[in-house]
Structures are given as C-alpha cells and as structure tokens.
Amino acid sequence: MSPASKNKPSTGTHQAKPRLRDTVHEKLLERLLSGHYSPGDVLVEKSIAEEFGISKSPVREALQRLVVSGYLRVLPRTGYLVTSVSAADVVELAHLRALLEGEAAWQAAGRIGPNEVKELRSLVEKAEAGGDGLALNRRFHAIIAHAAGNSLAEEMITSLLDRAERILRNDPRMADSYTGPDHWRIIESLEAGDREGARTWMRKHIVDIRMQVELSYPDSGHPAES
C-alpha cells in the first residue's frame, strides 16, 4: 500500500505538465495566428510565465514547440523572435495542401458521417452570410481531414493550415479567399461517396486559393498558373 501511495503523486505530476504545456502552446499559437504577435516581436519566457501565473518550465516547452514548427526562432540570451511568413511560403504550402487534402477528401468520401456533413453545410452558410471566412474555412478543412481517418495526415494538414493562415489572416487582399462554390461541390461529393469527385474539387479549391495568392503577391516567385 505504501509503494502504491508513493507512485500516485508522481503519475499525477507527469500528467499535469503536458496539459499545462499544451494550454500555453494553444494560447501562444492563437496569438501568432491572429496577429497579436507580429513578425519581429520578441517573446520572453519570464514575461509570459508571469502573465499566465505559472512557472517557466511549461512556457519553455511551449515556446520550443513553436520553434520546431517554424513560428519562432531562438535569440540566445534574449528570447524568441517571431518569424516572418512570405507569400512564397503560402504558395509552397498550397502545393502540399493540394496533395494531402486531395487524398484526405478521397478517404473521407467513404467515411464521413451525416453529422459531419451537416456541420460542413453550416460552416459554408455562415461564411456566405459574412462570418469569419478564415476561421470557418479552417474548421471545414479540419473536419474533412479528421473524417479521412488518418491521424498523421490530419496532423500534417492542421499544421499546414496554421502556417498558411498567418499571412492570410493579416492581409485584407485575401479576406475572401475561402468562399465560393467549390465548398458546396466538395460537400456534395463527400455526401454521395464520390471519392474521385471529392479529391478533384478539393484540389481545385486549393489551387484556386494558391492562384489568388500569386496574383495578390506578384513577388511570390511562382507564376499564377494552375
């Protein structure tokens, strides 16, 4: 009984740290995506820990995750620099998204349930009614990635969506990039179990977004061609 008692607190401690680290990571990521932190800003571990009222350890872990993801760069003895994102980055991300999300849509067409389809329809309706197009679009794509049933692909797609949103969120020229008939065609294909159609429309949708970025940013380094 005594050994068991000694082990329990240790287990609880190990479980609590990741949860706190993940919470801090989510809050910092949200700030990066929303533009609360801008490229060139320097984040200081101690200041963030004091703001959140926690120790520096979970803050350090969260910041390191953001470094690995490319959002921050370590400045020795100073802090963490918020990195910049170029239009060329978004174009390159779109190429990867078209490949990954096209296949995810193909898989999702044979797996997605009626409740998920209902939510997809609701998201498009809200976007067309003037809602936050970027946030609604992100949820739209996340649902399909999840419905595909491939956790690794879902994780990669989520990361790509986050990276792309950084520049799109802060540029008014791209405010309407995520509305249009393609969403409805994707939904119809998914609901009908039409895997080829789902893949085709998803890829077209993302290529169209890429072309809008290329047209809005002539210096992106890529021709505005499909």
C-alpha atoms as a PDB file:
ATOM      1  CA  MET A   1       0.000   0.000   0.000  1.00  0.00           C
ATOM      2  CA  SER A   2       2.821   2.317   0.828  1.00  0.00           C
ATOM      3  CA  PRO A   3       4.580   1.846  -2.546  1.00  0.00           C
ATOM      4  CA  ALA A   4       1.324   2.490  -4.383  1.00  0.00           C
ATOM      5  CA  SER A   5       0.839   5.717  -2.474  1.00  0.00           C
ATOM      6  CA  LYS A   6       4.303   6.856  -3.440  1.00  0.00           C
ATOM      7  CA  ASN A   7       3.688   6.186  -7.099  1.00  0.00           C
ATOM      8  CA  LYS A   8       0.355   8.004  -7.433  1.00  0.00           C
ATOM      9  CA  PRO A   9       1.575  11.580  -6.873  1.00  0.00           C
ATOM     10  CA  SER A  10       4.398  11.031  -9.356  1.00  0.00           C
ATOM     11  CA  THR A  11       1.954   9.853 -12.039  1.00  0.00           C
ATOM     12  CA  GLY A  12      -0.322  12.809 -11.462  1.00  0.00           C
ATOM     13  CA  THR A  13       2.578  15.229 -11.756  1.00  0.00           C
ATOM     14  CA  HIS A  14       3.696  13.777 -15.068  1.00  0.00           C
ATOM     15  CA  GLN A  15       0.137  14.024 -16.431  1.00  0.00           C
ATOM     16  CA  ALA A  16      -0.360  17.644 -15.325  1.00  0.00           C
ATOM     17  CA  LYS A  17       2.758  19.055 -17.008  1.00  0.00           C
ATOM     18  CA  PRO A  18       1.791  18.177 -20.609  1.00  0.00           C
ATOM     19  CA  ARG A  19      -1.694  19.610 -20.104  1.00  0.00           C
ATOM     20  CA  LEU A  20      -0.299  22.936 -18.893  1.00  0.00           C
ATOM     21  CA  ARG A  21       2.310  22.976 -21.633  1.00  0.00           C
ATOM     22  CA  ASP A  22      -0.368  22.291 -24.254  1.00  0.00           C
ATOM     23  CA  THR A  23      -2.605  25.045 -22.872  1.00  0.00           C
ATOM     24  CA  VAL A  24       0.211  27.585 -23.093  1.00  0.00           C
ATOM     25  CA  HIS A  25       1.090  26.364 -26.590  1.00  0.00           C
ATOM     26  CA  GLU A  26      -2.504  26.784 -27.768  1.00  0.00           C
ATOM     27  CA  LYS A  27      -2.747  30.311 -26.351  1.00  0.00           C
ATOM     28  CA  LEU A  28       0.538  31.409 -27.895  1.00  0.00           C
ATOM     29  CA  LEU A  29      -0.322  29.808 -31.237  1.00  0.00           C
ATOM     30  CA  GLU A  30      -3.675  31.590 -31.248  1.00  0.00           C
ATOM     31  CA  ARG A  31      -1.889  34.890 -30.694  1.00  0.00           C
ATOM     32  CA  LEU A  32       0.535  34.173 -33.520  1.00  0.00           C
ATOM     33  CA  LEU A  33      -2.241  33.262 -35.949  1.00  0.00           C
ATOM     34  CA  SER A  34      -4.432  36.218 -35.025  1.00  0.00           C
ATOM     35  CA  GLY A  35      -1.624  38.734 -35.443  1.00  0.00           C
ATOM     36  CA  HIS A  36      -1.449  39.596 -31.741  1.00  0.00           C
ATOM     37  CA  TYR A  37       2.253  38.763 -32.091  1.00  0.00           C
ATOM     38  CA  SER A  38       3.775  40.232 -35.243  1.00  0.00           C
ATOM     39  CA  PRO A  39       6.916  39.219 -37.132  1.00  0.00           C
ATOM     40  CA  GLY A  40       9.883  40.803 -35.414  1.00  0.00           C
ATOM     41  CA  ASP A  41       8.350  40.703 -31.940  1.00  0.00           C
ATOM     42  CA  VAL A  42      10.467  39.059 -29.249  1.00  0.00           C
ATOM     43  CA  LEU A  43       8.762  36.775 -26.733  1.00  0.00           C
ATOM     44  CA  VAL A  44      10.398  36.484 -23.328  1.00  0.00           C
ATOM     45  CA  GLU A  45       9.918  33.303 -21.341  1.00  0.00           C
ATOM     46  CA  LYS A  46       9.859  35.032 -17.949  1.00  0.00           C
ATOM     47  CA  SER A  47       7.315  37.643 -19.017  1.00  0.00           C
ATOM     48  CA  ILE A  48       4.939  35.024 -20.422  1.00  0.00           C
ATOM     49  CA  ALA A  49       5.255  32.900 -17.289  1.00  0.00           C
ATOM     50  CA  GLU A  50       4.413  35.919 -15.124  1.00  0.00           C
ATOM     51  CA  GLU A  51       1.459  36.826 -17.355  1.00  0.00           C
ATOM     52  CA  PHE A  52      -0.002  33.328 -17.090  1.00  0.00           C
ATOM     53  CA  GLY A  53       0.920  32.988 -13.422  1.00  0.00           C
ATOM     54  CA  ILE A  54       2.857  29.762 -13.915  1.00  0.00           C
ATOM     55  CA  SER A  55       6.427  28.506 -13.754  1.00  0.00           C
ATOM     56  CA  LYS A  56       8.803  28.956 -16.678  1.00  0.00           C
ATOM     57  CA  SER A  57       9.105  25.236 -17.419  1.00  0.00           C
ATOM     58  CA  PRO A  58       5.789  24.728 -19.309  1.00  0.00           C
ATOM     59  CA  VAL A  59       6.294  28.072 -21.055  1.00  0.00           C
ATOM     60  CA  ARG A  60       9.736  26.983 -22.225  1.00  0.00           C
ATOM     61  CA  GLU A  61       8.313  23.710 -23.542  1.00  0.00           C
ATOM     62  CA  ALA A  62       5.537  25.521 -25.418  1.00  0.00           C
ATOM     63  CA  LEU A  63       7.972  28.016 -26.924  1.00  0.00           C
ATOM     64  CA  GLN A  64      10.279  25.229 -28.056  1.00  0.00           C
ATOM     65  CA  ARG A  65       7.361  23.529 -29.839  1.00  0.00           C
ATOM     66  CA  LEU A  66       6.700  26.770 -31.692  1.00  0.00           C
ATOM     67  CA  VAL A  67      10.369  26.944 -32.656  1.00  0.00           C
ATOM     68  CA  VAL A  68      10.180  23.443 -34.116  1.00  0.00           C
ATOM     69  CA  SER A  69       7.013  24.453 -36.017  1.00  0.00           C
ATOM     70  CA  GLY A  70       8.800  27.453 -37.504  1.00  0.00           C
ATOM     71  CA  TYR A  71       6.810  30.204 -35.800  1.00  0.00           C
ATOM     72  CA  LEU A  72       9.675  31.342 -33.559  1.00  0.00           C
ATOM     73  CA  ARG A  73      13.457  31.498 -33.683  1.00  0.00           C
ATOM     74  CA  VAL A  74      15.684  31.370 -30.621  1.00  0.00           C
ATOM     75  CA  LEU A  75      17.640  34.521 -29.808  1.00  0.00           C
ATOM     76  CA  PRO A  76      20.373  33.443 -27.371  1.00  0.00           C
ATOM     77  CA  ARG A  77      20.169  35.225 -24.006  1.00  0.00           C
ATOM     78  CA  THR A  78      17.312  37.364 -25.326  1.00  0.00           C
ATOM     79  CA  GLY A  79      14.142  35.419 -26.095  1.00  0.00           C
ATOM     80  CA  TYR A  80      12.228  34.064 -29.062  1.00  0.00           C
ATOM     81  CA  LEU A  81      11.841  36.029 -32.280  1.00  0.00           C
ATOM     82  CA  VAL A  82       8.522  35.823 -34.141  1.00  0.00           C
ATOM     83  CA  THR A  83       9.451  34.768 -37.662  1.00  0.00           C
ATOM     84  CA  SER A  84       8.053  36.254 -40.829  1.00  0.00           C
ATOM     85  CA  VAL A  85       5.984  34.382 -43.412  1.00  0.00           C
ATOM     86  CA  SER A  86       6.152  35.240 -47.093  1.00  0.00           C
ATOM     87  CA  ALA A  87       3.654  34.787 -49.896  1.00  0.00           C
ATOM     88  CA  ALA A  88       6.086  32.308 -51.437  1.00  0.00           C
ATOM     89  CA  ASP A  89       5.726  30.221 -48.281  1.00  0.00           C
ATOM     90  CA  VAL A  90       1.940  30.198 -48.672  1.00  0.00           C
ATOM     91  CA  VAL A  91       2.229  29.141 -52.322  1.00  0.00           C
ATOM     92  CA  GLU A  92       4.541  26.269 -51.418  1.00  0.00           C
ATOM     93  CA  LEU A  93       2.227  25.237 -48.592  1.00  0.00           C
ATOM     94  CA  ALA A  94      -0.680  25.234 -51.025  1.00  0.00           C
ATOM     95  CA  HIS A  95       1.125  22.715 -53.237  1.00  0.00           C
ATOM     96  CA  LEU A  96       1.455  20.368 -50.262  1.00  0.00           C
ATOM     97  CA  ARG A  97      -2.103  21.007 -49.149  1.00  0.00           C
ATOM     98  CA  ALA A  98      -3.478  20.127 -52.570  1.00  0.00           C
ATOM     99  CA  LEU A  99      -1.729  16.771 -52.432  1.00  0.00           C
ATOM    100  CA  LEU A 100      -2.536  15.898 -48.828  1.00  0.00           C
ATOM    101  CA  GLU A 101      -6.057  17.290 -48.672  1.00  0.00           C
ATOM    102  CA  GLY A 102      -6.982  15.857 -52.035  1.00  0.00           C
ATOM    103  CA  GLU A 103      -6.195  12.396 -50.709  1.00  0.00           C
ATOM    104  CA  ALA A 104      -7.882  13.161 -47.386  1.00  0.00           C
ATOM    105  CA  ALA A 105     -11.063  14.121 -49.240  1.00  0.00           C
ATOM    106  CA  TRP A 106     -10.851  10.884 -51.234  1.00  0.00           C
ATOM    107  CA  GLN A 107     -10.691   8.876 -47.998  1.00  0.00           C
ATOM    108  CA  ALA A 108     -13.311  10.964 -46.222  1.00  0.00           C
ATOM    109  CA  ALA A 109     -15.861  10.375 -49.002  1.00  0.00           C
ATOM    110  CA  GLY A 110     -16.178   6.785 -47.873  1.00  0.00           C
ATOM    111  CA  ARG A 111     -16.169   7.514 -44.145  1.00  0.00           C
ATOM    112  CA  ILE A 112     -17.768  10.858 -43.318  1.00  0.00           C
ATOM    113  CA  GLY A 113     -20.969  10.772 -41.280  1.00  0.00           C
ATOM    114  CA  PRO A 114     -24.209  12.768 -41.619  1.00  0.00           C
ATOM    115  CA  ASN A 115     -23.472  14.974 -38.605  1.00  0.00           C
ATOM    116  CA  GLU A 116     -20.144  15.993 -40.087  1.00  0.00           C
ATOM    117  CA  VAL A 117     -21.768  16.749 -43.434  1.00  0.00           C
ATOM    118  CA  LYS A 118     -24.368  18.838 -41.626  1.00  0.00           C
ATOM    119  CA  GLU A 119     -21.643  20.859 -39.924  1.00  0.00           C
ATOM    120  CA  LEU A 120     -19.826  21.379 -43.220  1.00  0.00           C
ATOM    121  CA  ARG A 121     -23.008  22.831 -44.723  1.00  0.00           C
ATOM    122  CA  SER A 122     -23.478  25.084 -41.704  1.00  0.00           C
ATOM    123  CA  LEU A 123     -19.918  26.386 -41.975  1.00  0.00           C
ATOM    124  CA  VAL A 124     -20.314  27.322 -45.637  1.00  0.00           C
ATOM    125  CA  GLU A 125     -23.646  29.028 -44.928  1.00  0.00           C
ATOM    126  CA  LYS A 126     -22.068  31.073 -42.133  1.00  0.00           C
ATOM    127  CA  ALA A 127     -19.179  32.073 -44.409  1.00  0.00           C
ATOM    128  CA  GLU A 128     -21.567  33.156 -47.147  1.00  0.00           C
ATOM    129  CA  ALA A 129     -23.516  35.176 -44.564  1.00  0.00           C
ATOM    130  CA  GLY A 130     -20.408  37.202 -43.774  1.00  0.00           C
ATOM    131  CA  GLY A 131     -18.827  35.174 -40.979  1.00  0.00           C
ATOM    132  CA  ASP A 132     -15.112  34.834 -40.308  1.00  0.00           C
ATOM    133  CA  GLY A 133     -14.188  33.134 -43.564  1.00  0.00           C
ATOM    134  CA  LEU A 134     -10.718  32.058 -42.492  1.00  0.00           C
ATOM    135  CA  ALA A 135     -11.844  30.523 -39.203  1.00  0.00           C
ATOM    136  CA  LEU A 136     -14.828  28.821 -40.810  1.00  0.00           C
ATOM    137  CA  ASN A 137     -12.696  27.526 -43.673  1.00  0.00           C
ATOM    138  CA  ARG A 138     -10.123  26.145 -41.274  1.00  0.00           C
ATOM    139  CA  ARG A 139     -12.833  24.205 -39.460  1.00  0.00           C
ATOM    140  CA  PHE A 140     -14.218  22.998 -42.797  1.00  0.00           C
ATOM    141  CA  HIS A 141     -10.897  21.506 -43.831  1.00  0.00           C
ATOM    142  CA  ALA A 142     -10.179  20.146 -40.354  1.00  0.00           C
ATOM    143  CA  ILE A 143     -13.448  18.187 -40.342  1.00  0.00           C
ATOM    144  CA  ILE A 144     -12.609  16.541 -43.662  1.00  0.00           C
ATOM    145  CA  ALA A 145      -9.062  15.750 -42.559  1.00  0.00           C
ATOM    146  CA  HIS A 146     -10.415  14.105 -39.417  1.00  0.00           C
ATOM    147  CA  ALA A 147     -13.072  12.175 -41.329  1.00  0.00           C
ATOM    148  CA  ALA A 148     -10.344  10.657 -43.512  1.00  0.00           C
ATOM    149  CA  GLY A 149      -9.284   8.565 -40.534  1.00  0.00           C
ATOM    150  CA  ASN A 150      -5.541   9.094 -40.942  1.00  0.00           C
ATOM    151  CA  SER A 151      -4.207  10.751 -37.793  1.00  0.00           C
ATOM    152  CA  LEU A 152      -0.770  11.509 -39.236  1.00  0.00           C
ATOM    153  CA  ALA A 153      -2.208  13.167 -42.340  1.00  0.00           C
ATOM    154  CA  GLU A 154      -4.633  15.107 -40.126  1.00  0.00           C
ATOM    155  CA  GLU A 155      -1.761  16.400 -38.023  1.00  0.00           C
ATOM    156  CA  MET A 156       0.187  17.476 -41.098  1.00  0.00           C
ATOM    157  CA  ILE A 157      -2.824  19.186 -42.683  1.00  0.00           C
ATOM    158  CA  THR A 158      -3.582  21.054 -39.455  1.00  0.00           C
ATOM    159  CA  SER A 159      -0.009  22.317 -39.322  1.00  0.00           C
ATOM    160  CA  LEU A 160      -0.181  23.492 -42.938  1.00  0.00           C
ATOM    161  CA  LEU A 161      -3.466  25.292 -42.295  1.00  0.00           C
ATOM    162  CA  ASP A 162      -1.939  27.082 -39.319  1.00  0.00           C
ATOM    163  CA  ARG A 163       1.087  28.194 -41.292  1.00  0.00           C
ATOM    164  CA  ALA A 164      -0.957  29.452 -44.238  1.00  0.00           C
ATOM    165  CA  GLU A 165      -3.378  31.335 -42.004  1.00  0.00           C
ATOM    166  CA  ARG A 166      -0.648  33.533 -40.546  1.00  0.00           C
ATOM    167  CA  ILE A 167      -0.293  35.591 -43.710  1.00  0.00           C
ATOM    168  CA  LEU A 168      -3.870  35.268 -44.945  1.00  0.00           C
ATOM    169  CA  ARG A 169      -5.281  36.418 -41.604  1.00  0.00           C
ATOM    170  CA  ASN A 170      -3.380  39.689 -41.763  1.00  0.00           C
ATOM    171  CA  ASP A 171      -3.833  40.625 -45.400  1.00  0.00           C
ATOM    172  CA  PRO A 172      -7.138  42.236 -46.455  1.00  0.00           C
ATOM    173  CA  ARG A 173      -6.498  41.240 -50.075  1.00  0.00           C
ATOM    174  CA  MET A 174      -7.058  37.630 -49.074  1.00  0.00           C
ATOM    175  CA  ALA A 175     -10.158  38.163 -46.920  1.00  0.00           C
ATOM    176  CA  ASP A 176     -12.476  36.448 -49.404  1.00  0.00           C
ATOM    177  CA  SER A 177     -10.179  33.617 -50.431  1.00  0.00           C
ATOM    178  CA  TYR A 178     -12.189  30.903 -48.787  1.00  0.00           C
ATOM    179  CA  THR A 179     -15.712  31.394 -50.074  1.00  0.00           C
ATOM    180  CA  GLY A 180     -17.126  30.004 -53.296  1.00  0.00           C
ATOM    181  CA  PRO A 181     -18.984  27.156 -54.983  1.00  0.00           C
ATOM    182  CA  ASP A 182     -16.131  24.670 -54.551  1.00  0.00           C
ATOM    183  CA  HIS A 183     -17.091  24.123 -50.925  1.00  0.00           C
ATOM    184  CA  TRP A 184     -20.566  23.017 -51.960  1.00  0.00           C
ATOM    185  CA  ARG A 185     -19.188  20.706 -54.644  1.00  0.00           C
ATOM    186  CA  ILE A 186     -16.837  19.142 -52.113  1.00  0.00           C
ATOM    187  CA  ILE A 187     -19.752  18.564 -49.741  1.00  0.00           C
ATOM    188  CA  GLU A 188     -21.919  17.033 -52.470  1.00  0.00           C
ATOM    189  CA  SER A 189     -19.119  14.662 -53.444  1.00  0.00           C
ATOM    190  CA  LEU A 190     -18.486  13.647 -49.842  1.00  0.00           C
ATOM    191  CA  GLU A 191     -22.170  13.058 -49.164  1.00  0.00           C
ATOM    192  CA  ALA A 192     -22.531  10.972 -52.331  1.00  0.00           C
ATOM    193  CA  GLY A 193     -19.451   8.916 -51.525  1.00  0.00           C
ATOM    194  CA  ASP A 194     -17.878  10.150 -54.761  1.00  0.00           C
ATOM    195  CA  ARG A 195     -14.208   9.797 -53.894  1.00  0.00           C
ATOM    196  CA  GLU A 196     -12.792  10.975 -57.215  1.00  0.00           C
ATOM    197  CA  GLY A 197     -15.099  13.975 -57.215  1.00  0.00           C
ATOM    198  CA  ALA A 198     -14.147  14.889 -53.643  1.00  0.00           C
ATOM    199  CA  ARG A 199     -10.454  14.723 -54.482  1.00  0.00           C
ATOM    200  CA  THR A 200     -10.851  16.698 -57.701  1.00  0.00           C
ATOM    201  CA  TRP A 201     -12.867  19.515 -56.150  1.00  0.00           C
ATOM    202  CA  MET A 202     -10.643  19.741 -53.078  1.00  0.00           C
ATOM    203  CA  ARG A 203      -7.533  20.068 -55.202  1.00  0.00           C
ATOM    204  CA  LYS A 204      -9.190  22.655 -57.461  1.00  0.00           C
ATOM    205  CA  HIS A 205     -10.296  24.621 -54.404  1.00  0.00           C
ATOM    206  CA  ILE A 206      -6.772  24.816 -53.004  1.00  0.00           C
ATOM    207  CA  VAL A 207      -5.198  25.558 -56.398  1.00  0.00           C
ATOM    208  CA  ASP A 208      -7.637  28.459 -56.802  1.00  0.00           C
ATOM    209  CA  ILE A 209      -6.549  29.826 -53.416  1.00  0.00           C
ATOM    210  CA  ARG A 210      -2.911  29.462 -54.445  1.00  0.00           C
ATOM    211  CA  MET A 211      -3.579  31.384 -57.650  1.00  0.00           C
ATOM    212  CA  GLN A 212      -5.231  34.212 -55.707  1.00  0.00           C
ATOM    213  CA  VAL A 213      -2.135  34.489 -53.528  1.00  0.00           C
ATOM    214  CA  GLU A 214       0.098  34.507 -56.605  1.00  0.00           C
ATOM    215  CA  LEU A 215      -1.972  37.277 -58.188  1.00  0.00           C
ATOM    216  CA  SER A 216      -2.040  39.329 -54.984  1.00  0.00           C
ATOM    217  CA  TYR A 217       1.687  38.865 -54.449  1.00  0.00           C
ATOM    218  CA  PRO A 218       3.495  39.087 -57.812  1.00  0.00           C
ATOM    219  CA  ASP A 219       6.798  38.677 -55.971  1.00  0.00           C
ATOM    220  CA  SER A 220       5.809  35.259 -54.602  1.00  0.00           C
ATOM    221  CA  GLY A 221       8.231  33.644 -57.011  1.00  0.00           C
ATOM    222  CA  HIS A 222       5.596  31.499 -58.725  1.00  0.00           C
ATOM    223  CA  PRO A 223       3.584  32.159 -61.901  1.00  0.00           C
ATOM    224  CA  ALA A 224      -0.153  32.484 -61.380  1.00  0.00           C
ATOM    225  CA  GLU A 225      -0.960  29.339 -63.317  1.00  0.00           C
ATOM    226  CA  SER A 226      -2.690  26.111 -62.284  1.00  0.00           C
END
